[in-house]
Amino acid sequence: MKRTAVALSTAALLLPLSACAGSAEAGDGSTVTVTVGYQSKTINTVTAGTLLRSLGYFEKQLDSLHDGHTYKVDWQDFATGAPITAQMTAGKIDIGSMGDFPLLLNAARGKQLGSPTHLVSVTGYNLRGGLNTVVTAPGSAITSLEDLKGKKVSTSIGSAADGTLVRALQRAGIDPDKGISKLNQQPAVGASALSAGSVDALSQFVAWPGLLAYQGKAKAVYDGAQLDLPTFHGVTAREDFTRKHPAVLDAFLKAQDQATEYLDHHPVAAAEKVADTTGLPAEVVYLYNGAHGIATFNPALTPRLVSALKQDVSVLKAAKLTGDIDVDSFVDDRYVKKALGASYIERLSTPPPPAASEVWAKGSGKTISFKSPGQLLAYVAAHRDGIRAAYVPDATTGTLWFADRAVWVADGGRLLPFVTPATARDYVTAHAGARAVSYREALERAS
């Protein structure tokens, strides 16, 4: 929820519907309007939203249909998945993108209201769960999940970030309902609350944790990849829409694949495009969507992601946000198989790119990769004034993080980065002679 999920509480789903452009049906003459709901700042849906829109690939695919219709695309930007689901079930949005937990609520709501939807492709994912992070204020004494007992924690109920929080607390032996005081807040509200000191921690999805860390407003307490459970974002479409306009959905998925290819081949340019549209720093976008970022983009509906979706149902049921959900009937891979053609089988087994350390130099349109975090530190130490951003993968989870926000450990001649203090402590405890060092000391050792 490479790299989000959105708050999709029951209350939010019951909000009154706002006026929206009509869905894909012929208007005057032979004009067909296709309404796409997306979340510009949930940057792991960009290949089906922000980036796709900026590249114009969907419109070009529709122009190539030559079926006698004139197509118009109505792009509607939302902060979360809840209003997208509400508009889809009302027949106002044809295609939408959201995170895994909201996708399940989309499935449940569509079936409940007799307006079924289907998961038709994947956007960004992380096989270990690294897209979700729990953060706290920079000066906070909280350094682990155990420190959250009795504390106020902001999250978005029904989102993958909430799912991560619940599962992480359970593993730590903390009752997620009674062990903490949970506040159900929109991501931006929760971020403001953390800065104001009215909550002790924030559990959120991409790009909020990375953004707050980049701004110096938060430090990581829990890396979602510690769960080692996949989290992803996907594209959902109304069943009646796909039956009536299968060629339009085919055009959308082909365009999504083109946007994915663009992101894979031009990661820096893609980050800049998304940053220009959303107002997010390009350095934060690249943390998640870069060549070795936290998210991987592959439209294929792989068995591992479908299996993870089934495991998510129990979390939503326990929170009383939904009942049983027939995931198998919700997932419909026919359209993406057709759109991707012969490459689909290969996509099902394509592994994510290996984690790597990267430096984005000022004024450069590309990044430099290094074989080890120590090599990256040596480069940064020698070019301190020329670094736009430096990224290193966590030594245990592989989650990419900003080098200057990581927790560093010296182990003999090696310098190892960690996203959180707790995982760094675990490593030091297990390795005699290893000790935590500051970023400044790590740079001095590397140079």
Protein backbone atom coordinates (compact mmCIF):
# COMPACT_ATOMS: atom_id res chain seq x y z
CA MET A 1 0.00 0.00 0.00
CA LYS A 2 7.76 -1.18 -5.88
CA ARG A 3 6.14 0.57 -3.59
CA THR A 4 0.57 1.79 -1.24
CA ALA A 5 -2.52 1.49 0.28
CA VAL A 6 -5.18 3.92 1.36
CA ALA A 7 -7.58 4.35 4.26
CA LEU A 8 -10.88 2.76 3.41
CA SER A 9 -12.98 2.61 6.57
CA THR A 10 -16.59 1.57 6.62
CA ALA A 11 -17.63 5.08 7.59
CA ALA A 12 -15.78 6.58 4.66
CA LEU A 13 -17.50 4.21 2.27
CA LEU A 14 -20.88 5.41 3.44
CA LEU A 15 -20.17 9.07 2.75
CA PRO A 16 -22.58 10.73 0.29
CA LEU A 17 -21.45 10.56 -3.31
CA SER A 18 -20.21 13.77 -4.86
CA ALA A 19 -21.04 14.83 -8.39
CA CYS A 20 -18.82 13.12 -10.92
CA ALA A 21 -18.38 12.94 -14.63
CA GLY A 22 -20.32 10.17 -16.32
CA SER A 23 -18.72 6.78 -16.81
CA ALA A 24 -17.92 5.07 -20.08
CA GLU A 25 -21.09 5.41 -22.03
CA ALA A 26 -21.83 7.16 -25.27
CA GLY A 27 -22.84 10.78 -24.95
CA ASP A 28 -23.73 13.09 -27.82
CA GLY A 29 -22.84 11.48 -31.13
CA SER A 30 -20.23 8.75 -30.68
CA THR A 31 -18.20 10.20 -27.79
CA VAL A 32 -17.35 7.80 -24.97
CA THR A 33 -16.07 9.18 -21.66
CA VAL A 34 -13.83 6.88 -19.63
CA THR A 35 -13.50 7.93 -15.99
CA VAL A 36 -10.33 6.90 -14.19
CA GLY A 37 -9.95 7.32 -10.43
CA TYR A 38 -6.38 7.52 -9.18
CA GLN A 39 -4.31 8.80 -6.26
CA SER A 40 -1.56 11.10 -7.45
CA LYS A 41 0.40 11.01 -4.19
CA THR A 42 0.11 7.27 -3.66
CA ILE A 43 3.13 6.99 -5.90
CA ASN A 44 3.16 3.21 -6.27
CA THR A 45 0.08 3.49 -8.44
CA VAL A 46 1.77 5.91 -10.86
CA THR A 47 1.85 3.48 -13.79
CA ALA A 48 -1.95 3.46 -13.66
CA GLY A 49 -2.29 7.09 -12.57
CA THR A 50 0.09 10.04 -12.27
CA LEU A 51 2.85 8.87 -14.62
CA LEU A 52 0.43 7.26 -17.05
CA ARG A 53 -1.58 10.46 -17.26
CA SER A 54 1.48 12.65 -17.81
CA LEU A 55 2.76 10.40 -20.61
CA GLY A 56 -0.58 10.33 -22.44
CA TYR A 57 -0.26 6.65 -23.31
CA PHE A 58 -3.87 5.76 -22.50
CA GLU A 59 -5.25 8.44 -24.77
CA LYS A 60 -2.94 7.28 -27.57
CA GLN A 61 -4.07 3.69 -27.15
CA LEU A 62 -7.71 4.77 -27.32
CA ASP A 63 -7.01 6.81 -30.47
CA SER A 64 -5.63 3.67 -32.10
CA LEU A 65 -8.87 1.70 -31.64
CA HIS A 66 -10.52 3.16 -34.76
CA ASP A 67 -13.88 1.71 -33.78
CA GLY A 68 -16.05 4.68 -34.73
CA HIS A 69 -16.00 6.23 -31.25
CA THR A 70 -14.29 9.35 -30.01
CA TYR A 71 -12.84 8.77 -26.55
CA LYS A 72 -12.41 11.25 -23.73
CA VAL A 73 -10.55 10.36 -20.52
CA ASP A 74 -11.72 12.00 -17.30
CA TRP A 75 -8.90 11.67 -14.74
CA GLN A 76 -10.12 12.14 -11.16
CA ASP A 77 -7.55 12.49 -8.39
CA PHE A 78 -8.32 11.32 -4.83
CA ALA A 79 -6.35 11.26 -1.59
CA THR A 80 -7.43 7.71 -0.66
CA GLY A 81 -9.15 4.67 -2.13
CA ALA A 82 -12.42 5.05 -0.20
CA PRO A 83 -14.03 7.66 -2.48
CA ILE A 84 -12.83 5.78 -5.56
CA THR A 85 -14.70 2.69 -4.37
CA ALA A 86 -17.78 4.74 -3.52
CA GLN A 87 -17.83 6.27 -6.99
CA MET A 88 -17.15 2.95 -8.70
CA THR A 89 -20.06 1.20 -7.01
CA ALA A 90 -22.28 4.14 -8.00
CA GLY A 91 -21.25 3.72 -11.64
CA LYS A 92 -19.33 7.00 -11.68
CA ILE A 93 -15.78 5.64 -12.07
CA ASP A 94 -14.83 2.90 -14.52
CA ILE A 95 -11.23 2.10 -13.56
CA GLY A 96 -9.48 2.79 -10.25
CA SER A 97 -6.19 2.06 -8.50
CA MET A 98 -5.54 1.48 -4.80
CA GLY A 99 -3.65 -0.65 -2.27
CA ASP A 100 -4.26 -4.26 -1.32
CA PHE A 101 -6.46 -3.77 1.76
CA PRO A 102 -8.63 -1.13 0.04
CA LEU A 103 -8.88 -3.47 -2.96
CA LEU A 104 -10.51 -6.07 -0.72
CA LEU A 105 -12.98 -3.52 0.58
CA ASN A 106 -13.62 -2.52 -3.03
CA ALA A 107 -14.47 -6.16 -3.75
CA ALA A 108 -16.74 -6.45 -0.73
CA ARG A 109 -18.56 -3.17 -1.35
CA GLY A 110 -19.07 -3.92 -5.04
CA LYS A 111 -20.60 -7.30 -4.30
CA GLN A 112 -22.76 -5.90 -1.49
CA LEU A 113 -24.25 -3.22 -3.74
CA GLY A 114 -24.68 -5.45 -6.78
CA SER A 115 -22.02 -3.55 -8.72
CA PRO A 116 -19.12 -6.03 -8.73
CA THR A 117 -15.55 -4.99 -9.49
CA HIS A 118 -12.48 -7.03 -10.36
CA LEU A 119 -8.76 -6.77 -9.75
CA VAL A 120 -7.28 -6.69 -13.26
CA SER A 121 -3.58 -5.81 -12.80
CA VAL A 122 -0.86 -4.86 -10.32
CA THR A 123 1.03 -1.57 -10.13
CA GLY A 124 3.75 -1.31 -7.44
CA TYR A 125 4.58 -4.03 -4.89
CA ASN A 126 7.14 -5.12 -2.33
CA LEU A 127 7.35 -8.83 -1.60
CA ARG A 128 8.42 -8.30 2.02
CA GLY A 129 6.03 -5.47 2.93
CA GLY A 130 8.50 -2.59 2.85
CA LEU A 131 5.98 -0.09 1.47
CA ASN A 132 4.55 0.49 4.96
CA THR A 133 6.49 2.01 7.86
CA VAL A 134 5.86 3.09 11.44
CA VAL A 135 7.60 6.38 12.27
CA THR A 136 7.88 8.66 15.27
CA ALA A 137 9.22 12.15 15.93
CA PRO A 138 13.00 12.61 15.47
CA GLY A 139 13.61 13.39 19.13
CA SER A 140 11.26 10.73 20.49
CA ALA A 141 12.49 8.16 23.00
CA ILE A 142 10.48 5.52 21.12
CA THR A 143 12.85 3.16 19.31
CA SER A 144 10.82 -0.05 19.02
CA LEU A 145 7.28 -1.39 18.82
CA GLU A 146 7.43 -2.33 22.49
CA ASP A 147 7.80 1.36 23.29
CA LEU A 148 4.39 2.03 21.72
CA LYS A 149 2.50 0.41 24.60
CA GLY A 150 -0.06 2.87 25.90
CA LYS A 151 0.90 5.44 23.27
CA LYS A 152 -1.22 7.27 20.67
CA VAL A 153 -0.64 5.96 17.15
CA SER A 154 -2.16 7.50 14.02
CA THR A 155 -3.04 5.32 11.04
CA SER A 156 -5.76 4.96 8.41
CA ILE A 157 -8.17 2.19 9.38
CA GLY A 158 -8.63 -0.30 6.56
CA SER A 159 -5.35 0.57 4.85
CA ALA A 160 -2.34 -1.68 4.34
CA ALA A 161 -0.46 0.58 6.78
CA ASP A 162 -3.01 -0.29 9.45
CA GLY A 163 -2.66 -3.95 8.52
CA THR A 164 1.09 -3.69 9.01
CA LEU A 165 0.61 -2.02 12.39
CA VAL A 166 -1.85 -4.68 13.57
CA ARG A 167 0.32 -7.59 12.48
CA ALA A 168 3.52 -6.05 13.85
CA LEU A 169 1.95 -5.37 17.25
CA GLN A 170 0.56 -8.90 17.42
CA ARG A 171 4.02 -10.35 16.72
CA ALA A 172 5.43 -8.13 19.45
CA GLY A 173 2.83 -9.47 21.90
CA ILE A 174 0.84 -6.23 22.03
CA ASP A 175 -2.95 -6.19 21.66
CA PRO A 176 -3.57 -3.83 18.70
CA ASP A 177 -6.96 -2.88 20.16
CA LYS A 178 -6.07 -2.42 23.83
CA GLY A 179 -2.29 -2.06 23.91
CA ILE A 180 -2.23 1.28 22.10
CA SER A 181 -4.58 4.20 21.51
CA LYS A 182 -5.24 4.11 17.77
CA LEU A 183 -6.43 7.21 15.93
CA ASN A 184 -8.08 6.78 12.52
CA GLN A 185 -6.74 9.70 10.45
CA GLN A 186 -6.04 10.62 6.85
CA PRO A 187 -2.28 10.40 6.12
CA ALA A 188 -1.81 14.18 5.91
CA VAL A 189 -3.71 14.69 9.17
CA GLY A 190 -1.63 12.03 10.90
CA ALA A 191 1.58 13.58 9.64
CA SER A 192 0.54 16.96 11.03
CA ALA A 193 -0.45 15.35 14.32
CA LEU A 194 2.97 13.72 14.62
CA SER A 195 4.71 17.04 13.99
CA ALA A 196 2.46 18.77 16.53
CA GLY A 197 3.13 16.13 19.16
CA SER A 198 -0.54 15.12 19.51
CA VAL A 199 0.30 11.52 18.53
CA ASP A 200 3.36 9.49 19.46
CA ALA A 201 3.75 7.55 16.23
CA LEU A 202 2.39 7.25 12.70
CA SER A 203 1.85 4.06 10.70
CA GLN A 204 1.44 4.91 7.04
CA PHE A 205 1.97 3.80 3.47
CA VAL A 206 4.14 5.24 0.73
CA ALA A 207 5.15 8.01 0.37
CA TRP A 208 4.43 9.48 3.80
CA PRO A 209 7.13 7.75 5.91
CA GLY A 210 9.85 8.50 3.37
CA LEU A 211 8.66 12.07 2.94
CA LEU A 212 8.67 12.79 6.68
CA ALA A 213 12.09 11.17 7.11
CA TYR A 214 13.47 13.18 4.18
CA GLN A 215 12.11 16.39 5.71
CA GLY A 216 13.69 15.57 9.07
CA LYS A 217 10.25 15.33 10.67
CA ALA A 218 10.30 11.61 11.53
CA LYS A 219 12.50 8.59 12.16
CA ALA A 220 11.57 4.99 11.40
CA VAL A 221 10.54 2.69 14.25
CA TYR A 222 9.33 -0.33 12.29
CA ASP A 223 10.13 -1.41 8.73
CA GLY A 224 7.12 -3.20 7.23
CA ALA A 225 9.51 -5.60 5.47
CA GLN A 226 10.19 -7.19 8.86
CA LEU A 227 6.83 -8.93 8.43
CA ASP A 228 8.08 -10.60 5.24
CA LEU A 229 4.56 -10.47 3.79
CA PRO A 230 3.89 -8.98 0.33
CA THR A 231 2.05 -5.70 -0.02
CA PHE A 232 0.98 -4.21 -3.32
CA HIS A 233 -1.24 -1.83 -5.27
CA GLY A 234 -3.49 -2.75 -8.13
CA VAL A 235 -6.04 -1.72 -10.73
CA THR A 236 -9.71 -2.53 -10.28
CA ALA A 237 -12.44 -2.19 -12.90
CA ARG A 238 -16.22 -2.38 -12.84
CA GLU A 239 -17.58 -5.66 -14.20
CA ASP A 240 -20.33 -4.00 -16.23
CA PHE A 241 -17.80 -1.61 -17.73
CA THR A 242 -15.40 -4.34 -18.80
CA ARG A 243 -18.21 -6.33 -20.39
CA LYS A 244 -19.45 -3.34 -22.35
CA HIS A 245 -16.03 -1.91 -23.28
CA PRO A 246 -13.42 -4.69 -23.21
CA ALA A 247 -11.32 -2.87 -25.83
CA VAL A 248 -11.08 0.17 -23.54
CA LEU A 249 -9.76 -1.88 -20.64
CA ASP A 250 -7.34 -3.60 -23.01
CA ALA A 251 -6.12 -0.16 -24.11
CA PHE A 252 -5.69 0.90 -20.49
CA LEU A 253 -3.65 -2.16 -19.56
CA LYS A 254 -1.45 -1.84 -22.64
CA ALA A 255 -0.89 1.80 -21.73
CA GLN A 256 -0.09 0.80 -18.13
CA ASP A 257 2.50 -1.63 -19.44
CA GLN A 258 4.03 1.15 -21.57
CA ALA A 259 4.20 3.41 -18.51
CA THR A 260 5.83 0.57 -16.55
CA GLU A 261 8.44 0.15 -19.27
CA TYR A 262 9.09 3.90 -19.24
CA LEU A 263 9.58 3.86 -15.46
CA ASP A 264 11.93 0.87 -15.67
CA HIS A 265 14.07 2.40 -18.43
CA HIS A 266 13.94 6.05 -17.29
CA PRO A 267 13.61 5.91 -13.47
CA VAL A 268 15.08 9.35 -12.79
CA ALA A 269 12.98 11.06 -15.48
CA ALA A 270 9.89 9.23 -14.21
CA ALA A 271 10.59 10.42 -10.64
CA GLU A 272 10.95 13.99 -11.89
CA LYS A 273 7.65 13.76 -13.80
CA VAL A 274 5.78 12.44 -10.77
CA ALA A 275 7.41 15.07 -8.55
CA ASP A 276 6.40 17.88 -10.92
CA THR A 277 2.78 16.71 -10.83
CA THR A 278 2.42 15.89 -7.15
CA GLY A 279 4.68 18.41 -5.45
CA LEU A 280 6.52 15.58 -3.71
CA PRO A 281 10.32 15.86 -3.68
CA ALA A 282 11.78 13.83 -6.55
CA GLU A 283 14.25 12.34 -4.08
CA VAL A 284 11.33 10.81 -2.13
CA VAL A 285 9.63 9.52 -5.26
CA TYR A 286 12.89 7.87 -6.31
CA LEU A 287 13.28 6.21 -2.89
CA TYR A 288 10.19 4.16 -3.68
CA ASN A 289 10.03 4.10 -7.49
CA GLY A 290 13.69 4.20 -8.48
CA ALA A 291 15.83 1.57 -10.18
CA HIS A 292 16.44 -0.17 -6.84
CA GLY A 293 13.60 1.46 -4.94
CA ILE A 294 11.30 -0.08 -2.38
CA ALA A 295 8.62 -0.80 -4.98
CA THR A 296 8.77 -3.07 -8.01
CA PHE A 297 6.41 -2.48 -10.92
CA ASN A 298 5.03 -5.46 -12.82
CA PRO A 299 1.38 -5.62 -14.02
CA ALA A 300 1.17 -9.43 -13.74
CA LEU A 301 -1.18 -10.87 -11.13
CA THR A 302 1.27 -13.32 -9.62
CA PRO A 303 0.13 -16.21 -7.39
CA ARG A 304 2.22 -14.88 -4.51
CA LEU A 305 0.39 -11.54 -4.50
CA VAL A 306 -3.02 -13.21 -4.80
CA SER A 307 -2.11 -15.47 -1.88
CA ALA A 308 -1.11 -12.41 0.17
CA LEU A 309 -4.46 -10.82 -0.63
CA LYS A 310 -6.24 -13.85 0.79
CA GLN A 311 -4.21 -13.56 4.00
CA ASP A 312 -5.27 -9.91 4.33
CA VAL A 313 -8.96 -10.85 4.59
CA SER A 314 -8.60 -12.08 8.16
CA VAL A 315 -7.16 -8.72 9.29
CA LEU A 316 -10.13 -6.83 7.85
CA LYS A 317 -12.58 -9.31 9.35
CA ALA A 318 -10.98 -8.97 12.76
CA ALA A 319 -11.38 -5.20 12.49
CA LYS A 320 -15.04 -5.78 11.54
CA LEU A 321 -14.60 -3.89 8.29
CA THR A 322 -15.83 -6.76 6.16
CA GLY A 323 -16.97 -10.37 6.18
CA ASP A 324 -15.73 -13.17 3.98
CA ILE A 325 -14.41 -12.15 0.57
CA ASP A 326 -14.13 -14.48 -2.40
CA VAL A 327 -10.70 -13.38 -3.60
CA ASP A 328 -10.59 -15.90 -6.43
CA SER A 329 -13.73 -14.45 -8.02
CA PHE A 330 -12.46 -10.89 -7.47
CA VAL A 331 -9.17 -11.52 -9.29
CA ASP A 332 -9.60 -11.54 -13.07
CA ASP A 333 -6.35 -11.89 -15.00
CA ARG A 334 -7.91 -12.43 -18.44
CA TYR A 335 -7.51 -8.85 -19.53
CA VAL A 336 -3.91 -8.32 -18.43
CA LYS A 337 -2.94 -11.65 -20.00
CA LYS A 338 -4.38 -10.46 -23.30
CA ALA A 339 -2.79 -7.01 -23.02
CA LEU A 340 0.71 -8.34 -22.22
CA GLY A 341 0.51 -11.23 -24.66
CA ALA A 342 3.33 -13.75 -24.86
CA SER A 343 5.37 -11.94 -22.20
CA TYR A 344 2.81 -12.61 -19.46
CA ILE A 345 4.13 -16.04 -18.45
CA GLU A 346 7.63 -14.62 -18.13
CA ARG A 347 6.33 -11.71 -16.06
CA LEU A 348 4.82 -14.13 -13.55
CA SER A 349 8.29 -15.33 -12.56
CA THR A 350 10.31 -12.14 -13.07
CA PRO A 351 12.12 -11.40 -9.79
CA PRO A 352 12.40 -7.88 -8.35
CA PRO A 353 15.71 -6.12 -9.10
CA PRO A 354 18.36 -6.76 -6.43
CA ALA A 355 18.84 -4.15 -3.75
CA ALA A 356 21.72 -1.76 -4.33
CA SER A 357 23.21 1.43 -2.97
CA GLU A 358 22.73 4.48 -5.19
CA VAL A 359 23.81 8.11 -5.33
CA TRP A 360 21.91 10.79 -7.19
CA ALA A 361 24.41 13.53 -7.95
CA LYS A 362 23.32 17.14 -8.31
CA GLY A 363 22.65 18.15 -11.91
CA SER A 364 22.66 14.56 -13.13
CA GLY A 365 19.90 12.76 -15.01
CA LYS A 366 21.04 9.38 -13.77
CA THR A 367 22.23 7.70 -10.60
CA ILE A 368 25.43 5.84 -9.72
CA SER A 369 25.17 2.34 -8.22
CA PHE A 370 27.64 0.80 -5.76
CA LYS A 371 28.33 -2.77 -4.76
CA SER A 372 28.26 -1.98 -1.04
CA PRO A 373 27.05 0.73 1.34
CA GLY A 374 30.69 1.31 2.32
CA GLN A 375 31.60 2.17 -1.27
CA LEU A 376 28.69 4.59 -1.41
CA LEU A 377 29.83 6.26 1.80
CA ALA A 378 33.33 6.68 0.40
CA TYR A 379 31.91 8.39 -2.68
CA VAL A 380 29.65 10.65 -0.60
CA ALA A 381 32.55 11.59 1.67
CA ALA A 382 34.56 12.68 -1.37
CA HIS A 383 31.69 14.59 -3.02
CA ARG A 384 29.76 16.03 -0.08
CA ASP A 385 28.64 19.17 -1.88
CA GLY A 386 27.60 17.35 -5.04
CA ILE A 387 25.09 14.86 -3.61
CA ARG A 388 21.39 15.28 -4.21
CA ALA A 389 20.41 12.04 -2.47
CA ALA A 390 22.09 8.83 -1.33
CA TYR A 391 20.19 5.56 -0.84
CA VAL A 392 21.21 2.34 0.93
CA PRO A 393 19.37 -0.98 1.44
CA ASP A 394 18.73 -2.23 4.97
CA ALA A 395 21.27 -4.95 5.77
CA THR A 396 18.55 -7.39 6.85
CA THR A 397 15.36 -6.52 4.93
CA GLY A 398 16.75 -4.87 1.80
CA THR A 399 14.41 -1.89 2.22
CA LEU A 400 15.95 1.18 0.62
CA TRP A 401 16.40 4.21 2.88
CA PHE A 402 18.15 7.56 2.83
CA ALA A 403 21.79 7.06 3.84
CA ASP A 404 21.76 10.05 6.17
CA ARG A 405 18.57 8.80 7.91
CA ALA A 406 19.71 5.21 8.31
CA VAL A 407 21.05 3.68 11.53
CA TRP A 408 24.67 2.64 10.89
CA VAL A 409 26.62 -0.25 12.38
CA ALA A 410 30.37 -0.88 12.09
CA ASP A 411 31.25 -4.57 11.99
CA GLY A 412 34.96 -5.04 11.44
CA GLY A 413 35.71 -3.39 8.12
CA ARG A 414 32.07 -3.33 7.05
CA LEU A 415 29.58 -0.48 7.43
CA LEU A 416 25.99 -1.69 7.52
CA PRO A 417 22.81 0.43 7.29
CA PHE A 418 19.47 -0.30 8.95
CA VAL A 419 16.11 1.45 8.62
CA THR A 420 15.33 1.25 12.36
CA PRO A 421 17.23 1.31 15.67
CA ALA A 422 15.65 -2.01 16.73
CA THR A 423 16.99 -4.00 13.78
CA ALA A 424 20.40 -2.39 14.22
CA ARG A 425 20.40 -3.41 17.91
CA ASP A 426 19.42 -6.95 16.97
CA TYR A 427 22.39 -7.15 14.62
CA VAL A 428 24.83 -5.75 17.18
CA THR A 429 23.58 -8.21 19.79
CA ALA A 430 24.11 -11.12 17.43
CA HIS A 431 27.59 -10.05 16.22
CA ALA A 432 30.39 -9.67 18.72
CA GLY A 433 32.46 -6.57 18.09
CA ALA A 434 29.79 -4.79 16.06
CA ARG A 435 28.66 -1.40 17.32
CA ALA A 436 26.36 1.44 16.27
CA VAL A 437 28.02 4.53 14.80
CA SER A 438 26.73 7.91 13.70
CA TYR A 439 26.39 8.80 10.05
CA ARG A 440 29.25 11.24 10.43
CA GLU A 441 31.49 8.55 11.87
CA ALA A 442 30.43 6.13 9.12
CA LEU A 443 31.50 8.70 6.51
CA GLU A 444 34.83 9.23 8.25
CA ARG A 445 35.49 5.49 8.42
CA ALA A 446 34.62 5.08 4.74
CA SER A 447 36.88 7.91 3.65
